[in-house]
C-alpha atoms as a PDB file:
ATOM      1  CA  MET A   1     121.095 116.499 119.779  1.00  0.00           C
ATOM      2  CA  PRO A   2     122.760 113.324 118.462  1.00  0.00           C
ATOM      3  CA  PHE A   3     122.555 112.473 114.789  1.00  0.00           C
ATOM      4  CA  GLN A   4     120.150 109.657 113.940  1.00  0.00           C
ATOM      5  CA  PRO A   5     121.118 107.802 110.756  1.00  0.00           C
ATOM      6  CA  PRO A   6     118.335 107.112 108.284  1.00  0.00           C
ATOM      7  CA  VAL A   7     116.394 103.889 108.706  1.00  0.00           C
ATOM      8  CA  GLU A   8     116.418 101.202 106.013  1.00  0.00           C
ATOM      9  CA  CYS A   9     113.376  98.990 105.468  1.00  0.00           C
ATOM     10  CA  PRO A  10     114.370  95.350 106.045  1.00  0.00           C
ATOM     11  CA  ILE A  11     111.910  94.183 103.375  1.00  0.00           C
ATOM     12  CA  CYS A  12     112.548  96.457 100.383  1.00  0.00           C
ATOM     13  CA  ARG A  13     115.854  98.028 101.508  1.00  0.00           C
ATOM     14  CA  GLU A  14     114.467 101.521 100.838  1.00  0.00           C
ATOM     15  CA  THR A  15     116.121 104.241 102.901  1.00  0.00           C
ATOM     16  CA  LEU A  16     113.362 106.158 104.616  1.00  0.00           C
ATOM     17  CA  ALA A  17     113.122 109.931 104.742  1.00  0.00           C
ATOM     18  CA  LEU A  18     114.183 111.312 108.101  1.00  0.00           C
ATOM     19  CA  ASP A  19     110.600 112.343 108.890  1.00  0.00           C
ATOM     20  CA  ARG A  20     109.178 108.817 108.361  1.00  0.00           C
ATOM     21  CA  THR A  21     109.079 105.952 110.817  1.00  0.00           C
ATOM     22  CA  LEU A  22     109.646 102.327 109.951  1.00  0.00           C
ATOM     23  CA  GLU A  23     106.191 101.462 111.277  1.00  0.00           C
ATOM     24  CA  GLU A  24     104.559 104.071 109.027  1.00  0.00           C
ATOM     25  CA  HIS A  25     106.472 102.722 106.023  1.00  0.00           C
ATOM     26  CA  LEU A  26     105.663  99.065 106.748  1.00  0.00           C
ATOM     27  CA  VAL A  27     101.947  99.742 107.176  1.00  0.00           C
ATOM     28  CA  GLY A  28     101.726 101.962 104.103  1.00  0.00           C
ATOM     29  CA  SER A  29     104.034 100.128 101.711  1.00  0.00           C
ATOM     30  CA  HIS A  30     103.898  96.417 102.534  1.00  0.00           C
ATOM     31  CA  THR A  31     101.191  93.804 102.912  1.00  0.00           C
ATOM     32  CA  PRO A  32     100.640  92.071 106.230  1.00  0.00           C
ATOM     33  CA  LEU A  33     101.942  88.870 104.605  1.00  0.00           C
ATOM     34  CA  GLU A  34     105.239  90.535 103.614  1.00  0.00           C
ATOM     35  CA  VAL A  35     105.709  91.871 107.137  1.00  0.00           C
ATOM     36  CA  ALA A  36     104.846  88.485 108.674  1.00  0.00           C
ATOM     37  CA  ARG A  37     107.296  86.660 106.399  1.00  0.00           C
ATOM     38  CA  GLN A  38     110.088  89.079 107.336  1.00  0.00           C
ATOM     39  CA  PHE A  39     109.292  88.741 111.035  1.00  0.00           C
ATOM     40  CA  ALA A  40     109.248  84.934 110.788  1.00  0.00           C
ATOM     41  CA  ALA A  41     112.543  84.860 108.871  1.00  0.00           C
ATOM     42  CA  VAL A  42     114.287  87.027 111.464  1.00  0.00           C
ATOM     43  CA  HIS A  43     112.823  85.010 114.328  1.00  0.00           C
ATOM     44  CA  GLU A  44     113.902  81.713 112.772  1.00  0.00           C
ATOM     45  CA  SER A  45     117.377  83.059 112.041  1.00  0.00           C
ATOM     46  CA  ASN A  46     117.794  84.165 115.661  1.00  0.00           C
ATOM     47  CA  ARG A  47     116.565  80.799 116.935  1.00  0.00           C
ATOM     48  CA  LEU A  48     119.016  78.897 114.734  1.00  0.00           C
ATOM     49  CA  ARG A  49     121.860  81.180 115.816  1.00  0.00           C
ATOM     50  CA  ARG A  50     121.089  80.518 119.496  1.00  0.00           C
ATOM     51  CA  LEU A  51     120.975  76.751 118.919  1.00  0.00           C
ATOM     52  CA  SER A  52     124.371  76.770 117.223  1.00  0.00           C
ATOM     53  CA  GLU A  53     126.062  78.648 120.093  1.00  0.00           C
END
């Protein structure tokens, strides 16, 4: 079985325990507004990167 590196939360940069999922962490540790802001920031960054190419 291949090794899966630990996942880091993109909002708080916490390294999650190997038995936790990012979804579980986001729902339990962050508000919907924090998650939405992160999603919007990543989306906007990707859009700007595509426009500059």
